[in-house]
């Protein structure tokens, strides 16, 4: 029986995990719907959290509510402007920068796997001063299937020449948890404001924030749980 491999790679989600962009994106859509005196229920919207926008078509849903087609190009331009205004006010979520600094200090590989676009992810990482921490970034543009499919995680693992049992995933949504675990990885979930009420019990470890424990303490906790899980299988 092969011994458990030492964790030497961390792979992070982006939206809702590094920055609370999920709330901003939802807010920008809420404002669009309000212009048409319509409501975008959270239970409808959360279908696409951690996955791609194709899971739930907010344009088509609004058109159904108002009973007529819309100029999607104009709507998107307006919403994108508002979305960027809101995003510009956001910094990294608590504990993010410390985890990235500690990962660098410990000599760990750092990857990112996001169902958002490269332009979105890299643009905001650069704005936040975080891009240089990442050895590999894979986004929706780089794969044929986004989360909950494991391709994003498998792509990062391959690029970093890392086995799944040598890596630890950080997620905030059920779609992300499924993607990481389908790739064979141990997954830590840190719920965002938008995902904390979703079913997250399948995660291997759950934190309320990255400030809950140090990276070293988390890795020790993960090692203990992986060892216990291995004994039970």
Protein backbone atom coordinates (compact mmCIF):
# COMPACT_ATOMS: atom_id res chain seq x y z
CA UNK A 1 0.00 0.00 0.00
CA UNK A 2 1.45 3.37 -1.05
CA UNK A 3 2.14 5.85 1.75
CA UNK A 4 0.32 9.17 1.73
CA UNK A 5 2.24 11.76 -0.26
CA UNK A 6 3.37 15.00 1.37
CA UNK A 7 1.34 18.06 0.38
CA UNK A 8 3.51 20.37 -1.68
CA UNK A 9 0.97 22.07 -3.97
CA UNK A 10 -1.99 24.33 -3.17
CA UNK A 11 -4.63 25.07 -5.80
CA UNK A 12 -7.08 27.91 -5.18
CA UNK A 13 -10.42 28.82 -6.68
CA UNK A 14 -10.82 32.56 -7.42
CA UNK A 15 -14.37 33.94 -7.18
CA UNK A 16 -15.67 33.83 -3.61
CA UNK A 17 -12.43 32.31 -2.32
CA UNK A 18 -9.78 34.95 -2.96
CA UNK A 19 -12.14 37.90 -3.39
CA UNK A 20 -15.89 38.29 -2.77
CA UNK A 21 -16.63 38.82 -6.46
CA UNK A 22 -19.66 36.52 -6.37
CA UNK A 23 -21.60 39.07 -4.34
CA UNK A 24 -20.61 41.84 -6.76
CA UNK A 25 -21.63 39.85 -9.84
CA UNK A 26 -25.01 39.01 -8.30
CA UNK A 27 -25.52 42.63 -7.23
CA UNK A 28 -24.85 43.88 -10.76
CA UNK A 29 -27.50 41.51 -12.11
CA UNK A 30 -29.96 42.46 -9.37
CA UNK A 31 -29.69 46.08 -10.44
CA UNK A 32 -30.39 45.15 -14.06
CA UNK A 33 -33.48 43.17 -13.05
CA UNK A 34 -34.69 46.05 -10.86
CA UNK A 35 -34.67 48.34 -13.92
CA UNK A 36 -37.30 46.05 -15.41
CA UNK A 37 -39.19 45.76 -12.09
CA UNK A 38 -38.20 42.11 -11.83
CA UNK A 39 -36.52 39.99 -9.17
CA UNK A 40 -33.60 37.61 -9.62
CA UNK A 41 -34.05 35.02 -6.85
CA UNK A 42 -30.86 33.88 -5.16
CA UNK A 43 -31.92 30.26 -5.54
CA UNK A 44 -31.92 30.74 -9.31
CA UNK A 45 -28.60 32.52 -9.40
CA UNK A 46 -26.62 30.14 -7.18
CA UNK A 47 -26.94 27.37 -9.77
CA UNK A 48 -23.98 28.89 -11.62
CA UNK A 49 -21.75 29.71 -8.65
CA UNK A 50 -18.48 27.85 -9.03
CA UNK A 51 -19.35 26.84 -12.59
CA UNK A 52 -19.89 28.74 -15.82
CA UNK A 53 -22.66 31.22 -16.65
CA UNK A 54 -24.03 28.66 -19.11
CA UNK A 55 -25.54 26.73 -16.20
CA UNK A 56 -28.05 29.56 -15.68
CA UNK A 57 -28.78 32.12 -18.41
CA UNK A 58 -29.64 35.36 -16.61
CA UNK A 59 -30.44 37.09 -19.92
CA UNK A 60 -32.93 34.43 -20.99
CA UNK A 61 -34.55 34.33 -17.55
CA UNK A 62 -35.10 38.10 -17.60
CA UNK A 63 -36.49 37.95 -21.14
CA UNK A 64 -38.93 35.26 -19.98
CA UNK A 65 -40.08 37.44 -17.09
CA UNK A 66 -40.70 40.53 -19.22
CA UNK A 67 -42.00 38.61 -22.23
CA UNK A 68 -39.76 40.20 -24.84
CA UNK A 69 -36.17 40.03 -26.16
CA UNK A 70 -33.51 42.45 -24.94
CA UNK A 71 -30.42 44.01 -26.47
CA UNK A 72 -27.97 41.73 -24.70
CA UNK A 73 -24.95 43.67 -25.93
CA UNK A 74 -26.18 46.94 -24.42
CA UNK A 75 -27.28 45.22 -21.23
CA UNK A 76 -23.89 43.52 -20.84
CA UNK A 77 -21.99 46.76 -21.43
CA UNK A 78 -24.02 48.55 -18.79
CA UNK A 79 -23.73 45.72 -16.30
CA UNK A 80 -20.00 45.29 -16.89
CA UNK A 81 -19.39 48.95 -16.09
CA UNK A 82 -21.31 48.67 -12.83
CA UNK A 83 -19.64 45.36 -12.00
CA UNK A 84 -16.17 46.87 -12.38
CA UNK A 85 -17.16 49.85 -10.21
CA UNK A 86 -18.16 47.44 -7.43
CA UNK A 87 -15.10 45.20 -7.90
CA UNK A 88 -12.75 48.17 -7.62
CA UNK A 89 -13.82 48.58 -3.99
CA UNK A 90 -12.88 45.00 -3.03
CA UNK A 91 -9.61 43.68 -1.65
CA UNK A 92 -8.59 40.08 -0.97
CA UNK A 93 -10.72 38.18 1.53
CA UNK A 94 -9.32 37.79 5.08
CA UNK A 95 -6.33 35.48 5.34
CA UNK A 96 -5.71 35.20 1.60
CA UNK A 97 -2.49 37.20 1.43
CA UNK A 98 -1.10 35.51 4.54
CA UNK A 99 -1.77 32.04 3.09
CA UNK A 100 -0.06 32.96 -0.16
CA UNK A 101 2.96 34.40 1.66
CA UNK A 102 3.17 31.33 3.89
CA UNK A 103 2.90 29.00 0.90
CA UNK A 104 5.81 30.80 -0.72
CA UNK A 105 7.83 30.66 2.51
CA UNK A 106 7.20 26.91 2.78
CA UNK A 107 8.30 26.36 -0.81
CA UNK A 108 4.90 25.10 -1.99
CA UNK A 109 3.67 25.25 -5.56
CA UNK A 110 0.66 27.56 -5.95
CA UNK A 111 -1.96 27.07 -8.64
CA UNK A 112 -5.34 28.56 -9.46
CA UNK A 113 -8.34 26.86 -11.09
CA UNK A 114 -11.30 29.08 -12.00
CA UNK A 115 -14.43 28.71 -14.11
CA UNK A 116 -14.17 32.43 -14.93
CA UNK A 117 -12.23 33.87 -17.86
CA UNK A 118 -8.50 34.59 -17.95
CA UNK A 119 -9.22 38.29 -18.49
CA UNK A 120 -11.39 38.44 -15.37
CA UNK A 121 -9.11 36.39 -13.12
CA UNK A 122 -5.71 37.71 -14.20
CA UNK A 123 -7.00 41.28 -14.37
CA UNK A 124 -8.19 41.23 -10.77
CA UNK A 125 -5.18 39.28 -9.48
CA UNK A 126 -2.99 41.98 -11.02
CA UNK A 127 -5.12 44.76 -9.51
CA UNK A 128 -4.84 43.09 -6.10
CA UNK A 129 -1.09 42.51 -6.44
CA UNK A 130 -1.49 38.74 -6.17
CA UNK A 131 -0.68 37.44 -9.65
CA UNK A 132 3.02 36.84 -8.99
CA UNK A 133 2.22 34.29 -6.29
CA UNK A 134 0.78 31.82 -8.80
CA UNK A 135 2.90 29.29 -10.68
CA UNK A 136 -0.03 28.20 -12.84
CA UNK A 137 -3.43 29.74 -13.64
CA UNK A 138 -6.10 27.82 -15.53
CA UNK A 139 -9.46 29.36 -16.42
CA UNK A 140 -12.53 28.65 -18.54
CA UNK A 141 -10.62 29.68 -21.67
CA UNK A 142 -8.12 26.88 -21.13
CA UNK A 143 -10.47 23.89 -20.91
CA UNK A 144 -13.44 22.35 -22.65
CA UNK A 145 -15.45 21.81 -19.44
CA UNK A 146 -15.63 23.93 -16.28
CA UNK A 147 -16.53 22.91 -12.73
CA UNK A 148 -18.00 20.59 -11.50
CA UNK A 149 -16.02 18.77 -14.20
CA UNK A 150 -12.46 18.10 -12.92
CA UNK A 151 -10.66 19.31 -16.07
CA UNK A 152 -9.53 22.62 -14.58
CA UNK A 153 -7.90 20.89 -11.63
CA UNK A 154 -6.40 18.15 -13.77
CA UNK A 155 -4.92 20.81 -16.05
CA UNK A 156 -3.23 22.59 -13.13
CA UNK A 157 -1.93 19.32 -11.70
CA UNK A 158 -0.43 18.41 -15.05
CA UNK A 159 1.17 21.83 -15.53
CA UNK A 160 2.74 21.67 -12.07
CA UNK A 161 3.79 18.04 -12.52
CA UNK A 162 1.89 17.16 -9.35
CA UNK A 163 -0.10 14.06 -8.40
CA UNK A 164 -3.56 14.61 -6.96
CA UNK A 165 -2.52 13.19 -3.59
CA UNK A 166 0.27 15.79 -3.38
CA UNK A 167 -2.11 18.74 -3.77
CA UNK A 168 -4.71 20.51 -1.66
CA UNK A 169 -7.67 22.37 -3.18
CA UNK A 170 -9.36 25.45 -1.72
CA UNK A 171 -12.98 26.05 -2.75
CA UNK A 172 -16.13 27.87 -1.68
CA UNK A 173 -18.94 26.07 -3.57
CA UNK A 174 -20.43 22.61 -4.13
CA UNK A 175 -19.45 22.75 -7.82
CA UNK A 176 -15.87 23.47 -6.84
CA UNK A 177 -15.78 20.73 -4.22
CA UNK A 178 -17.02 18.20 -6.75
CA UNK A 179 -14.44 19.29 -9.31
CA UNK A 180 -11.54 19.00 -6.87
CA UNK A 181 -12.61 15.65 -5.49
CA UNK A 182 -13.31 14.22 -8.95
CA UNK A 183 -9.72 15.14 -9.77
CA UNK A 184 -8.69 13.01 -6.78
CA UNK A 185 -7.79 15.91 -4.50
CA UNK A 186 -8.44 16.60 -0.83
CA UNK A 187 -10.61 19.74 -0.61
CA UNK A 188 -10.87 22.53 1.97
CA UNK A 189 -13.99 24.66 1.66
CA UNK A 190 -14.15 28.26 2.86
CA UNK A 191 -17.73 29.45 2.22
CA UNK A 192 -18.34 32.92 0.84
CA UNK A 193 -21.24 35.21 1.70
CA UNK A 194 -23.09 33.71 -1.27
CA UNK A 195 -22.32 30.03 -0.63
CA UNK A 196 -22.39 29.61 3.14
CA UNK A 197 -25.96 28.28 3.05
CA UNK A 198 -25.32 25.79 0.25
CA UNK A 199 -24.65 22.09 0.93
CA UNK A 200 -20.90 21.95 1.58
CA UNK A 201 -20.70 18.86 3.77
CA UNK A 202 -18.85 16.86 1.11
CA UNK A 203 -15.71 18.95 1.65
CA UNK A 204 -12.94 17.20 3.55
CA UNK A 205 -12.32 20.23 5.80
CA UNK A 206 -14.51 23.29 6.32
CA UNK A 207 -13.31 26.67 7.61
CA UNK A 208 -15.30 29.85 8.14
CA UNK A 209 -12.30 31.91 7.01
CA UNK A 210 -8.65 31.42 6.11
CA UNK A 211 -7.95 33.25 9.36
CA UNK A 212 -9.31 30.27 11.31
CA UNK A 213 -5.92 28.54 11.36
CA UNK A 214 -2.44 28.98 9.96
CA UNK A 215 -1.45 27.21 6.77
CA UNK A 216 0.92 24.96 8.72
CA UNK A 217 -1.86 24.01 11.13
CA UNK A 218 -4.25 23.35 8.26
CA UNK A 219 -1.78 21.08 6.47
CA UNK A 220 -1.26 19.15 9.72
CA UNK A 221 -5.04 18.81 10.08
CA UNK A 222 -5.38 17.66 6.48
CA UNK A 223 -2.58 15.10 6.91
CA UNK A 224 -4.33 13.68 9.98
CA UNK A 225 -7.70 13.47 8.25
CA UNK A 226 -6.21 11.93 5.12
CA UNK A 227 -4.49 9.30 7.24
CA UNK A 228 -7.74 8.53 9.10
CA UNK A 229 -9.66 8.37 5.84
CA UNK A 230 -7.09 5.99 4.38
CA UNK A 231 -7.46 3.67 7.37
CA UNK A 232 -11.21 3.54 6.84
CA UNK A 233 -10.97 2.57 3.15
